[in-house]
Amino acid sequence: MYTSAIETYAYARAGLLGNPSDGYFGKTISFIVRNFRARVVLYPSARLEIRPSKADMPVFENLSDLYEITRWRGYYGGIRIIQALLVRLIEYCNEQGVELHDRNFTLD
């Protein structure tokens, strides 16, 4: 695929009890749902780029396709979540005194 690429998956998790922000002190009882997963590929690039998935593209075959995809995936794609994750990662690294390298990458 790409030279020096990192590819990984995160499987869906269904929580039964607890929530990291609700007084359970980060303790939860949950299970992994292997039928559903997110895939990410990260590789070096000249600029930092978050590439949109099909769910992020406002292009549909027809009204029925728009309706079905929106009912299944919602109105927003994953780019907002990825941006929020990266902002929080930067804040965490700053708080912990972890120096981030000045190298760009693409998330695909």
PDB file of N, CA and C in Angstrom:
ATOM      1  N   MET A   1       0.834  -1.177   0.000  1.00  0.00           N
ATOM      2  CA  MET A   1       0.000   0.000   0.000  1.00  0.00           C
ATOM      3  C   MET A   1       0.881   1.243   0.000  1.00  0.00           C
ATOM      4  N   TYR A   2       1.288   1.756   1.166  1.00  0.00           N
ATOM      5  CA  TYR A   2       2.165   2.912   1.284  1.00  0.00           C
ATOM      6  C   TYR A   2       3.426   2.469   2.017  1.00  0.00           C
ATOM      7  N   THR A   3       4.536   3.110   1.695  1.00  0.00           N
ATOM      8  CA  THR A   3       5.730   2.827   2.476  1.00  0.00           C
ATOM      9  C   THR A   3       5.591   3.490   3.838  1.00  0.00           C
ATOM     10  N   SER A   4       6.016   2.844   4.857  1.00  0.00           N
ATOM     11  CA  SER A   4       5.967   3.353   6.231  1.00  0.00           C
ATOM     12  C   SER A   4       4.544   3.614   6.719  1.00  0.00           C
ATOM     13  N   ALA A   5       3.576   2.908   6.203  1.00  0.00           N
ATOM     14  CA  ALA A   5       2.191   3.112   6.629  1.00  0.00           C
ATOM     15  C   ALA A   5       1.900   2.288   7.873  1.00  0.00           C
ATOM     16  N   ILE A   6       0.999   2.826   8.689  1.00  0.00           N
ATOM     17  CA  ILE A   6       0.478   2.118   9.854  1.00  0.00           C
ATOM     18  C   ILE A   6      -0.993   1.876   9.565  1.00  0.00           C
ATOM     19  N   GLU A   7      -1.420   0.629   9.659  1.00  0.00           N
ATOM     20  CA  GLU A   7      -2.830   0.293   9.457  1.00  0.00           C
ATOM     21  C   GLU A   7      -3.323  -0.469  10.683  1.00  0.00           C
ATOM     22  N   THR A   8      -4.480  -0.069  11.202  1.00  0.00           N
ATOM     23  CA  THR A   8      -5.031  -0.759  12.360  1.00  0.00           C
ATOM     24  C   THR A   8      -6.549  -0.651  12.356  1.00  0.00           C
ATOM     25  N   TYR A   9      -7.173  -1.427  13.223  1.00  0.00           N
ATOM     26  CA  TYR A   9      -8.627  -1.476  13.326  1.00  0.00           C
ATOM     27  C   TYR A   9      -9.045  -1.254  14.771  1.00  0.00           C
ATOM     28  N   ALA A  10     -10.215  -0.681  14.949  1.00  0.00           N
ATOM     29  CA  ALA A  10     -10.822  -0.560  16.279  1.00  0.00           C
ATOM     30  C   ALA A  10     -12.224  -1.142  16.166  1.00  0.00           C
ATOM     31  N   TYR A  11     -12.489  -2.136  16.980  1.00  0.00           N
ATOM     32  CA  TYR A  11     -13.787  -2.804  16.938  1.00  0.00           C
ATOM     33  C   TYR A  11     -14.785  -2.067  17.816  1.00  0.00           C
ATOM     34  N   ALA A  12     -16.056  -2.185  17.431  1.00  0.00           N
ATOM     35  CA  ALA A  12     -17.131  -1.553  18.201  1.00  0.00           C
ATOM     36  C   ALA A  12     -17.175  -2.162  19.594  1.00  0.00           C
ATOM     37  N   ARG A  13     -17.590  -1.340  20.560  1.00  0.00           N
ATOM     38  CA  ARG A  13     -17.707  -1.798  21.941  1.00  0.00           C
ATOM     39  C   ARG A  13     -19.082  -1.400  22.447  1.00  0.00           C
ATOM     40  N   ALA A  14     -19.751  -2.334  23.081  1.00  0.00           N
ATOM     41  CA  ALA A  14     -21.054  -2.048  23.677  1.00  0.00           C
ATOM     42  C   ALA A  14     -20.892  -2.062  25.186  1.00  0.00           C
ATOM     43  N   GLY A  15     -21.178  -0.936  25.808  1.00  0.00           N
ATOM     44  CA  GLY A  15     -21.055  -0.829  27.260  1.00  0.00           C
ATOM     45  C   GLY A  15     -22.332  -1.273  27.954  1.00  0.00           C
ATOM     46  N   LEU A  16     -22.179  -2.078  28.978  1.00  0.00           N
ATOM     47  CA  LEU A  16     -23.326  -2.506  29.766  1.00  0.00           C
ATOM     48  C   LEU A  16     -23.484  -1.678  31.033  1.00  0.00           C
ATOM     49  N   LEU A  17     -22.349  -1.321  31.645  1.00  0.00           N
ATOM     50  CA  LEU A  17     -22.393  -0.601  32.908  1.00  0.00           C
ATOM     51  C   LEU A  17     -21.173   0.294  33.008  1.00  0.00           C
ATOM     52  N   GLY A  18     -21.401   1.510  33.456  1.00  0.00           N
ATOM     53  CA  GLY A  18     -20.276   2.415  33.691  1.00  0.00           C
ATOM     54  C   GLY A  18     -19.984   3.303  32.510  1.00  0.00           C
ATOM     55  N   ASN A  19     -19.289   4.376  32.818  1.00  0.00           N
ATOM     56  CA  ASN A  19     -18.894   5.353  31.826  1.00  0.00           C
ATOM     57  C   ASN A  19     -17.715   6.111  32.440  1.00  0.00           C
ATOM     58  N   PRO A  20     -16.644   6.321  31.682  1.00  0.00           N
ATOM     59  CA  PRO A  20     -15.473   6.971  32.268  1.00  0.00           C
ATOM     60  C   PRO A  20     -15.745   8.309  32.938  1.00  0.00           C
ATOM     61  N   SER A  21     -16.816   8.996  32.567  1.00  0.00           N
ATOM     62  CA  SER A  21     -17.062  10.317  33.147  1.00  0.00           C
ATOM     63  C   SER A  21     -18.226  10.338  34.133  1.00  0.00           C
ATOM     64  N   ASP A  22     -18.710   9.180  34.571  1.00  0.00           N
ATOM     65  CA  ASP A  22     -19.935   9.201  35.360  1.00  0.00           C
ATOM     66  C   ASP A  22     -19.785   8.765  36.815  1.00  0.00           C
ATOM     67  N   GLY A  23     -18.611   8.750  37.325  1.00  0.00           N
ATOM     68  CA  GLY A  23     -18.471   8.368  38.722  1.00  0.00           C
ATOM     69  C   GLY A  23     -18.084   6.923  38.938  1.00  0.00           C
ATOM     70  N   TYR A  24     -17.954   6.159  37.868  1.00  0.00           N
ATOM     71  CA  TYR A  24     -17.459   4.789  38.002  1.00  0.00           C
ATOM     72  C   TYR A  24     -15.933   4.768  37.973  1.00  0.00           C
ATOM     73  N   PHE A  25     -15.331   5.943  37.918  1.00  0.00           N
ATOM     74  CA  PHE A  25     -13.870   6.103  37.928  1.00  0.00           C
ATOM     75  C   PHE A  25     -13.207   5.346  36.781  1.00  0.00           C
ATOM     76  N   GLY A  26     -13.849   5.380  35.616  1.00  0.00           N
ATOM     77  CA  GLY A  26     -13.278   4.761  34.422  1.00  0.00           C
ATOM     78  C   GLY A  26     -13.525   3.272  34.310  1.00  0.00           C
ATOM     79  N   LYS A  27     -14.187   2.689  35.267  1.00  0.00           N
ATOM     80  CA  LYS A  27     -14.459   1.257  35.228  1.00  0.00           C
ATOM     81  C   LYS A  27     -15.734   1.003  34.422  1.00  0.00           C
ATOM     82  N   THR A  28     -15.691   0.022  33.559  1.00  0.00           N
ATOM     83  CA  THR A  28     -16.858  -0.326  32.758  1.00  0.00           C
ATOM     84  C   THR A  28     -16.961  -1.836  32.608  1.00  0.00           C
ATOM     85  N   ILE A  29     -18.143  -2.279  32.305  1.00  0.00           N
ATOM     86  CA  ILE A  29     -18.373  -3.654  31.866  1.00  0.00           C
ATOM     87  C   ILE A  29     -18.900  -3.541  30.448  1.00  0.00           C
ATOM     88  N   SER A  30     -18.166  -4.109  29.510  1.00  0.00           N
ATOM     89  CA  SER A  30     -18.553  -3.985  28.109  1.00  0.00           C
ATOM     90  C   SER A  30     -18.043  -5.194  27.340  1.00  0.00           C
ATOM     91  N   PHE A  31     -18.447  -5.280  26.093  1.00  0.00           N
ATOM     92  CA  PHE A  31     -17.963  -6.351  25.235  1.00  0.00           C
ATOM     93  C   PHE A  31     -17.705  -5.800  23.842  1.00  0.00           C
ATOM     94  N   ILE A  32     -16.833  -6.493  23.104  1.00  0.00           N
ATOM     95  CA  ILE A  32     -16.448  -6.087  21.752  1.00  0.00           C
ATOM     96  C   ILE A  32     -17.399  -6.737  20.755  1.00  0.00           C
ATOM     97  N   VAL A  33     -17.789  -5.949  19.756  1.00  0.00           N
ATOM     98  CA  VAL A  33     -18.628  -6.454  18.676  1.00  0.00           C
ATOM     99  C   VAL A  33     -17.748  -6.523  17.431  1.00  0.00           C
ATOM    100  N   ARG A  34     -17.274  -7.703  17.100  1.00  0.00           N
ATOM    101  CA  ARG A  34     -16.324  -7.847  15.994  1.00  0.00           C
ATOM    102  C   ARG A  34     -16.950  -7.708  14.610  1.00  0.00           C
ATOM    103  N   ASN A  35     -18.262  -7.637  14.525  1.00  0.00           N
ATOM    104  CA  ASN A  35     -18.912  -7.460  13.224  1.00  0.00           C
ATOM    105  C   ASN A  35     -18.795  -6.021  12.723  1.00  0.00           C
ATOM    106  N   PHE A  36     -18.448  -5.093  13.620  1.00  0.00           N
ATOM    107  CA  PHE A  36     -18.358  -3.684  13.260  1.00  0.00           C
ATOM    108  C   PHE A  36     -16.994  -3.146  13.677  1.00  0.00           C
ATOM    109  N   ARG A  37     -16.350  -2.454  12.758  1.00  0.00           N
ATOM    110  CA  ARG A  37     -15.024  -1.924  13.076  1.00  0.00           C
ATOM    111  C   ARG A  37     -14.740  -0.667  12.265  1.00  0.00           C
ATOM    112  N   ALA A  38     -13.791   0.090  12.761  1.00  0.00           N
ATOM    113  CA  ALA A  38     -13.271   1.254  12.039  1.00  0.00           C
ATOM    114  C   ALA A  38     -11.844   0.922  11.624  1.00  0.00           C
ATOM    115  N   ARG A  39     -11.452   1.345  10.446  1.00  0.00           N
ATOM    116  CA  ARG A  39     -10.100   1.093   9.933  1.00  0.00           C
ATOM    117  C   ARG A  39      -9.420   2.442   9.724  1.00  0.00           C
ATOM    118  N   VAL A  40      -8.155   2.510  10.077  1.00  0.00           N
ATOM    119  CA  VAL A  40      -7.389   3.728   9.834  1.00  0.00           C
ATOM    120  C   VAL A  40      -6.025   3.353   9.265  1.00  0.00           C
ATOM    121  N   VAL A  41      -5.586   4.140   8.296  1.00  0.00           N
ATOM    122  CA  VAL A  41      -4.241   4.014   7.730  1.00  0.00           C
ATOM    123  C   VAL A  41      -3.590   5.376   7.889  1.00  0.00           C
ATOM    124  N   LEU A  42      -2.415   5.399   8.474  1.00  0.00           N
ATOM    125  CA  LEU A  42      -1.664   6.631   8.701  1.00  0.00           C
ATOM    126  C   LEU A  42      -0.340   6.490   7.973  1.00  0.00           C
ATOM    127  N   TYR A  43       0.011   7.494   7.171  1.00  0.00           N
ATOM    128  CA  TYR A  43       1.288   7.458   6.457  1.00  0.00           C
ATOM    129  C   TYR A  43       1.858   8.866   6.324  1.00  0.00           C
ATOM    130  N   PRO A  44       3.180   8.984   6.205  1.00  0.00           N
ATOM    131  CA  PRO A  44       3.813  10.298   6.096  1.00  0.00           C
ATOM    132  C   PRO A  44       3.350  11.034   4.841  1.00  0.00           C
ATOM    133  N   SER A  45       3.221  12.353   4.964  1.00  0.00           N
ATOM    134  CA  SER A  45       2.842  13.161   3.809  1.00  0.00           C
ATOM    135  C   SER A  45       3.358  14.586   3.996  1.00  0.00           C
ATOM    136  N   ALA A  46       3.306  15.370   2.916  1.00  0.00           N
ATOM    137  CA  ALA A  46       3.827  16.738   2.954  1.00  0.00           C
ATOM    138  C   ALA A  46       2.979  17.648   3.848  1.00  0.00           C
ATOM    139  N   ARG A  47       1.661  17.426   3.841  1.00  0.00           N
ATOM    140  CA  ARG A  47       0.751  18.212   4.671  1.00  0.00           C
ATOM    141  C   ARG A  47      -0.069  17.268   5.528  1.00  0.00           C
ATOM    142  N   LEU A  48      -0.589  17.783   6.635  1.00  0.00           N
ATOM    143  CA  LEU A  48      -1.469  16.979   7.463  1.00  0.00           C
ATOM    144  C   LEU A  48      -2.835  16.940   6.781  1.00  0.00           C
ATOM    145  N   GLU A  49      -3.325  15.741   6.527  1.00  0.00           N
ATOM    146  CA  GLU A  49      -4.583  15.593   5.798  1.00  0.00           C
ATOM    147  C   GLU A  49      -5.423  14.496   6.432  1.00  0.00           C
ATOM    148  N   ILE A  50      -6.699  14.792   6.644  1.00  0.00           N
ATOM    149  CA  ILE A  50      -7.672  13.794   7.078  1.00  0.00           C
ATOM    150  C   ILE A  50      -8.550  13.539   5.863  1.00  0.00           C
ATOM    151  N   ARG A  51      -8.397  12.378   5.255  1.00  0.00           N
ATOM    152  CA  ARG A  51      -9.130  12.082   4.032  1.00  0.00           C
ATOM    153  C   ARG A  51     -10.539  11.600   4.361  1.00  0.00           C
ATOM    154  N   PRO A  52     -11.540  12.163   3.709  1.00  0.00           N
ATOM    155  CA  PRO A  52     -12.920  11.778   4.002  1.00  0.00           C
ATOM    156  C   PRO A  52     -13.248  10.385   3.498  1.00  0.00           C
ATOM    157  N   SER A  53     -14.120   9.714   4.233  1.00  0.00           N
ATOM    158  CA  SER A  53     -14.636   8.422   3.783  1.00  0.00           C
ATOM    159  C   SER A  53     -15.899   8.669   2.967  1.00  0.00           C
ATOM    160  N   LYS A  54     -16.487   7.608   2.445  1.00  0.00           N
ATOM    161  CA  LYS A  54     -17.732   7.755   1.682  1.00  0.00           C
ATOM    162  C   LYS A  54     -18.815   8.404   2.536  1.00  0.00           C
ATOM    163  N   ALA A  55     -18.841   8.092   3.830  1.00  0.00           N
ATOM    164  CA  ALA A  55     -19.850   8.659   4.725  1.00  0.00           C
ATOM    165  C   ALA A  55     -19.690  10.172   4.882  1.00  0.00           C
ATOM    166  N   ASP A  56     -18.493  10.694   4.626  1.00  0.00           N
ATOM    167  CA  ASP A  56     -18.241  12.127   4.759  1.00  0.00           C
ATOM    168  C   ASP A  56     -18.562  12.902   3.479  1.00  0.00           C
ATOM    169  N   MET A  57     -18.806  12.189   2.397  1.00  0.00           N
ATOM    170  CA  MET A  57     -19.045  12.829   1.109  1.00  0.00           C
ATOM    171  C   MET A  57     -20.544  13.034   0.890  1.00  0.00           C
ATOM    172  N   PRO A  58     -20.977  14.260   0.574  1.00  0.00           N
ATOM    173  CA  PRO A  58     -22.400  14.511   0.357  1.00  0.00           C
ATOM    174  C   PRO A  58     -22.834  14.175  -1.074  1.00  0.00           C
ATOM    175  N   VAL A  59     -22.477  12.976  -1.536  1.00  0.00           N
ATOM    176  CA  VAL A  59     -22.836  12.523  -2.877  1.00  0.00           C
ATOM    177  C   VAL A  59     -23.603  11.216  -2.730  1.00  0.00           C
ATOM    178  N   PHE A  60     -24.788  11.158  -3.340  1.00  0.00           N
ATOM    179  CA  PHE A  60     -25.662   9.995  -3.197  1.00  0.00           C
ATOM    180  C   PHE A  60     -26.168   9.574  -4.563  1.00  0.00           C
ATOM    181  N   GLU A  61     -26.556   8.325  -4.688  1.00  0.00           N
ATOM    182  CA  GLU A  61     -27.097   7.816  -5.946  1.00  0.00           C
ATOM    183  C   GLU A  61     -28.452   8.437  -6.260  1.00  0.00           C
ATOM    184  N   ASN A  62     -29.262   8.657  -5.215  1.00  0.00           N
ATOM    185  CA  ASN A  62     -30.603   9.205  -5.389  1.00  0.00           C
ATOM    186  C   ASN A  62     -31.154   9.551  -4.005  1.00  0.00           C
ATOM    187  N   LEU A  63     -32.398   9.999  -3.938  1.00  0.00           N
ATOM    188  CA  LEU A  63     -32.999  10.364  -2.654  1.00  0.00           C
ATOM    189  C   LEU A  63     -33.104   9.175  -1.715  1.00  0.00           C
ATOM    190  N   SER A  64     -33.405   8.019  -2.254  1.00  0.00           N
ATOM    191  CA  SER A  64     -33.503   6.818  -1.430  1.00  0.00           C
ATOM    192  C   SER A  64     -32.153   6.492  -0.787  1.00  0.00           C
ATOM    193  N   ASP A  65     -31.088   6.617  -1.573  1.00  0.00           N
ATOM    194  CA  ASP A  65     -29.733   6.377  -1.065  1.00  0.00           C
ATOM    195  C   ASP A  65     -29.390   7.380   0.034  1.00  0.00           C
ATOM    196  N   LEU A  66     -29.701   8.664  -0.203  1.00  0.00           N
ATOM    197  CA  LEU A  66     -29.479   9.696   0.816  1.00  0.00           C
ATOM    198  C   LEU A  66     -30.214   9.332   2.101  1.00  0.00           C
ATOM    199  N   TYR A  67     -31.465   8.954   1.973  1.00  0.00           N
ATOM    200  CA  TYR A  67     -32.275   8.618   3.144  1.00  0.00           C
ATOM    201  C   TYR A  67     -31.682   7.428   3.906  1.00  0.00           C
ATOM    202  N   GLU A  68     -31.376   6.348   3.212  1.00  0.00           N
ATOM    203  CA  GLU A  68     -30.865   5.137   3.871  1.00  0.00           C
ATOM    204  C   GLU A  68     -29.520   5.389   4.540  1.00  0.00           C
ATOM    205  N   ILE A  69     -28.611   6.059   3.846  1.00  0.00           N
ATOM    206  CA  ILE A  69     -27.278   6.326   4.413  1.00  0.00           C
ATOM    207  C   ILE A  69     -27.389   7.256   5.619  1.00  0.00           C
ATOM    208  N   THR A  70     -28.224   8.286   5.525  1.00  0.00           N
ATOM    209  CA  THR A  70     -28.369   9.225   6.631  1.00  0.00           C
ATOM    210  C   THR A  70     -29.014   8.557   7.841  1.00  0.00           C
ATOM    211  N   ARG A  71     -30.014   7.720   7.622  1.00  0.00           N
ATOM    212  CA  ARG A  71     -30.649   7.004   8.736  1.00  0.00           C
ATOM    213  C   ARG A  71     -29.669   6.038   9.388  1.00  0.00           C
ATOM    214  N   TRP A  72     -28.769   5.445   8.618  1.00  0.00           N
ATOM    215  CA  TRP A  72     -27.805   4.471   9.149  1.00  0.00           C
ATOM    216  C   TRP A  72     -26.628   5.164   9.826  1.00  0.00           C
ATOM    217  N   ARG A  73     -26.051   6.195   9.191  1.00  0.00           N
ATOM    218  CA  ARG A  73     -24.811   6.801   9.670  1.00  0.00           C
ATOM    219  C   ARG A  73     -24.992   8.152  10.335  1.00  0.00           C
ATOM    220  N   GLY A  74     -26.148   8.757  10.223  1.00  0.00           N
ATOM    221  CA  GLY A  74     -26.366  10.070  10.798  1.00  0.00           C
ATOM    222  C   GLY A  74     -25.996  11.167   9.818  1.00  0.00           C
ATOM    223  N   TYR A  75     -26.054  12.394  10.304  1.00  0.00           N
ATOM    224  CA  TYR A  75     -25.842  13.550   9.445  1.00  0.00           C
ATOM    225  C   TYR A  75     -24.376  13.944   9.299  1.00  0.00           C
ATOM    226  N   TYR A  76     -23.533  13.461  10.164  1.00  0.00           N
ATOM    227  CA  TYR A  76     -22.129  13.867  10.136  1.00  0.00           C
ATOM    228  C   TYR A  76     -21.239  12.643   9.985  1.00  0.00           C
ATOM    229  N   GLY A  77     -20.132  12.820   9.307  1.00  0.00           N
ATOM    230  CA  GLY A  77     -19.163  11.742   9.149  1.00  0.00           C
ATOM    231  C   GLY A  77     -18.157  11.738  10.293  1.00  0.00           C
ATOM    232  N   GLY A  78     -17.043  11.085  10.077  1.00  0.00           N
ATOM    233  CA  GLY A  78     -16.064  10.908  11.130  1.00  0.00           C
ATOM    234  C   GLY A  78     -14.993  11.979  11.243  1.00  0.00           C
ATOM    235  N   ILE A  79     -14.955  12.922  10.316  1.00  0.00           N
ATOM    236  CA  ILE A  79     -13.878  13.920  10.330  1.00  0.00           C
ATOM    237  C   ILE A  79     -13.895  14.735  11.622  1.00  0.00           C
ATOM    238  N   ARG A  80     -15.066  15.134  12.105  1.00  0.00           N
ATOM    239  CA  ARG A  80     -15.159  15.905  13.352  1.00  0.00           C
ATOM    240  C   ARG A  80     -14.574  15.129  14.524  1.00  0.00           C
ATOM    241  N   ILE A  81     -14.853  13.846  14.584  1.00  0.00           N
ATOM    242  CA  ILE A  81     -14.344  13.017  15.680  1.00  0.00           C
ATOM    243  C   ILE A  81     -12.829  12.922  15.611  1.00  0.00           C
ATOM    244  N   ILE A  82     -12.298  12.729  14.405  1.00  0.00           N
ATOM    245  CA  ILE A  82     -10.842  12.619  14.245  1.00  0.00           C
ATOM    246  C   ILE A  82     -10.167  13.935  14.607  1.00  0.00           C
ATOM    247  N   GLN A  83     -10.735  15.058  14.173  1.00  0.00           N
ATOM    248  CA  GLN A  83     -10.161  16.360  14.538  1.00  0.00           C
ATOM    249  C   GLN A  83     -10.184  16.551  16.052  1.00  0.00           C
ATOM    250  N   ALA A  84     -11.293  16.226  16.684  1.00  0.00           N
ATOM    251  CA  ALA A  84     -11.393  16.367  18.144  1.00  0.00           C
ATOM    252  C   ALA A  84     -10.368  15.478  18.839  1.00  0.00           C
ATOM    253  N   LEU A  85     -10.191  14.274  18.343  1.00  0.00           N
ATOM    254  CA  LEU A  85      -9.210  13.357  18.920  1.00  0.00           C
ATOM    255  C   LEU A  85      -7.796  13.942  18.817  1.00  0.00           C
ATOM    256  N   LEU A  86      -7.460  14.494  17.660  1.00  0.00           N
ATOM    257  CA  LEU A  86      -6.113  15.054  17.479  1.00  0.00           C
ATOM    258  C   LEU A  86      -5.899  16.290  18.348  1.00  0.00           C
ATOM    259  N   VAL A  87      -6.923  17.135  18.481  1.00  0.00           N
ATOM    260  CA  VAL A  87      -6.808  18.305  19.361  1.00  0.00           C
ATOM    261  C   VAL A  87      -6.588  17.860  20.796  1.00  0.00           C
ATOM    262  N   ARG A  88      -7.352  16.876  21.243  1.00  0.00           N
ATOM    263  CA  ARG A  88      -7.190  16.367  22.619  1.00  0.00           C
ATOM    264  C   ARG A  88      -5.828  15.718  22.811  1.00  0.00           C
ATOM    265  N   LEU A  89      -5.330  15.008  21.795  1.00  0.00           N
ATOM    266  CA  LEU A  89      -3.994  14.404  21.870  1.00  0.00           C
ATOM    267  C   LEU A  89      -2.927  15.488  22.047  1.00  0.00           C
ATOM    268  N   ILE A  90      -3.041  16.567  21.291  1.00  0.00           N
ATOM    269  CA  ILE A  90      -2.084  17.678  21.410  1.00  0.00           C
ATOM    270  C   ILE A  90      -2.137  18.275  22.813  1.00  0.00           C
ATOM    271  N   GLU A  91      -3.347  18.508  23.331  1.00  0.00           N
ATOM    272  CA  GLU A  91      -3.494  19.053  24.681  1.00  0.00           C
ATOM    273  C   GLU A  91      -2.886  18.118  25.723  1.00  0.00           C
ATOM    274  N   TYR A  92      -3.151  16.836  25.585  1.00  0.00           N
ATOM    275  CA  TYR A  92      -2.618  15.857  26.533  1.00  0.00           C
ATOM    276  C   TYR A  92      -1.091  15.843  26.496  1.00  0.00           C
ATOM    277  N   CYS A  93      -0.528  15.828  25.292  1.00  0.00           N
ATOM    278  CA  CYS A  93       0.938  15.828  25.172  1.00  0.00           C
ATOM    279  C   CYS A  93       1.534  17.099  25.770  1.00  0.00           C
ATOM    280  N   ASN A  94       0.899  18.245  25.549  1.00  0.00           N
ATOM    281  CA  ASN A  94       1.375  19.496  26.151  1.00  0.00           C
ATOM    282  C   ASN A  94       1.324  19.438  27.670  1.00  0.00           C
ATOM    283  N   GLU A  95       0.222  18.910  28.217  1.00  0.00           N
ATOM    284  CA  GLU A  95       0.088  18.792  29.682  1.00  0.00           C
ATOM    285  C   GLU A  95       1.134  17.859  30.280  1.00  0.00           C
ATOM    286  N   GLN A  96       1.480  16.811  29.559  1.00  0.00           N
ATOM    287  CA  GLN A  96       2.411  15.804  30.063  1.00  0.00           C
ATOM    288  C   GLN A  96       3.867  16.116  29.712  1.00  0.00           C
ATOM    289  N   GLY A  97       4.096  17.188  28.961  1.00  0.00           N
ATOM    290  CA  GLY A  97       5.456  17.548  28.571  1.00  0.00           C
ATOM    291  C   GLY A  97       6.023  16.645  27.482  1.00  0.00           C
ATOM    292  N   VAL A  98       5.150  16.038  26.702  1.00  0.00           N
ATOM    293  CA  VAL A  98       5.579  15.171  25.599  1.00  0.00           C
ATOM    294  C   VAL A  98       5.728  16.028  24.351  1.00  0.00           C
ATOM    295  N   GLU A  99       6.923  16.019  23.776  1.00  0.00           N
ATOM    296  CA  GLU A  99       7.176  16.813  22.583  1.00  0.00           C
ATOM    297  C   GLU A  99       6.740  16.035  21.349  1.00  0.00           C
ATOM    298  N   LEU A 100       5.884  16.654  20.539  1.00  0.00           N
ATOM    299  CA  LEU A 100       5.441  16.021  19.298  1.00  0.00           C
ATOM    300  C   LEU A 100       6.384  16.420  18.170  1.00  0.00           C
ATOM    301  N   HIS A 101       6.709  15.478  17.314  1.00  0.00           N
ATOM    302  CA  HIS A 101       7.569  15.757  16.174  1.00  0.00           C
ATOM    303  C   HIS A 101       6.844  16.651  15.181  1.00  0.00           C
ATOM    304  N   ASP A 102       7.591  17.461  14.480  1.00  0.00           N
ATOM    305  CA  ASP A 102       7.012  18.359  13.482  1.00  0.00           C
ATOM    306  C   ASP A 102       7.000  17.654  12.123  1.00  0.00           C
ATOM    307  N   ARG A 103       6.254  16.537  12.048  1.00  0.00           N
ATOM    308  CA  ARG A 103       6.132  15.781  10.801  1.00  0.00           C
ATOM    309  C   ARG A 103       4.654  15.614  10.480  1.00  0.00           C
ATOM    310  N   ASN A 104       4.311  15.749   9.222  1.00  0.00           N
ATOM    311  CA  ASN A 104       2.919  15.629   8.814  1.00  0.00           C
ATOM    312  C   ASN A 104       2.586  14.205   8.414  1.00  0.00           C
ATOM    313  N   PHE A 105       1.295  13.951   8.315  1.00  0.00           N
ATOM    314  CA  PHE A 105       0.804  12.624   7.967  1.00  0.00           C
ATOM    315  C   PHE A 105      -0.570  12.756   7.335  1.00  0.00           C
ATOM    316  N   THR A 106      -0.997  11.685   6.716  1.00  0.00           N
ATOM    317  CA  THR A 106      -2.350  11.590   6.174  1.00  0.00           C
ATOM    318  C   THR A 106      -3.051  10.447   6.864  1.00  0.00           C
ATOM    319  N   LEU A 107      -4.284  10.703   7.304  1.00  0.00           N
ATOM    320  CA  LEU A 107      -5.150   9.664   7.842  1.00  0.00           C
ATOM    321  C   LEU A 107      -6.139   9.294   6.755  1.00  0.00           C
ATOM    322  N   ASP A 108      -6.171   8.044   6.421  1.00  0.00           N
ATOM    323  CA  ASP A 108      -7.020   7.568   5.343  1.00  0.00           C
ATOM    324  C   ASP A 108      -8.010   6.567   5.882  1.00  0.00           C
TER     325      ASP A 108
END
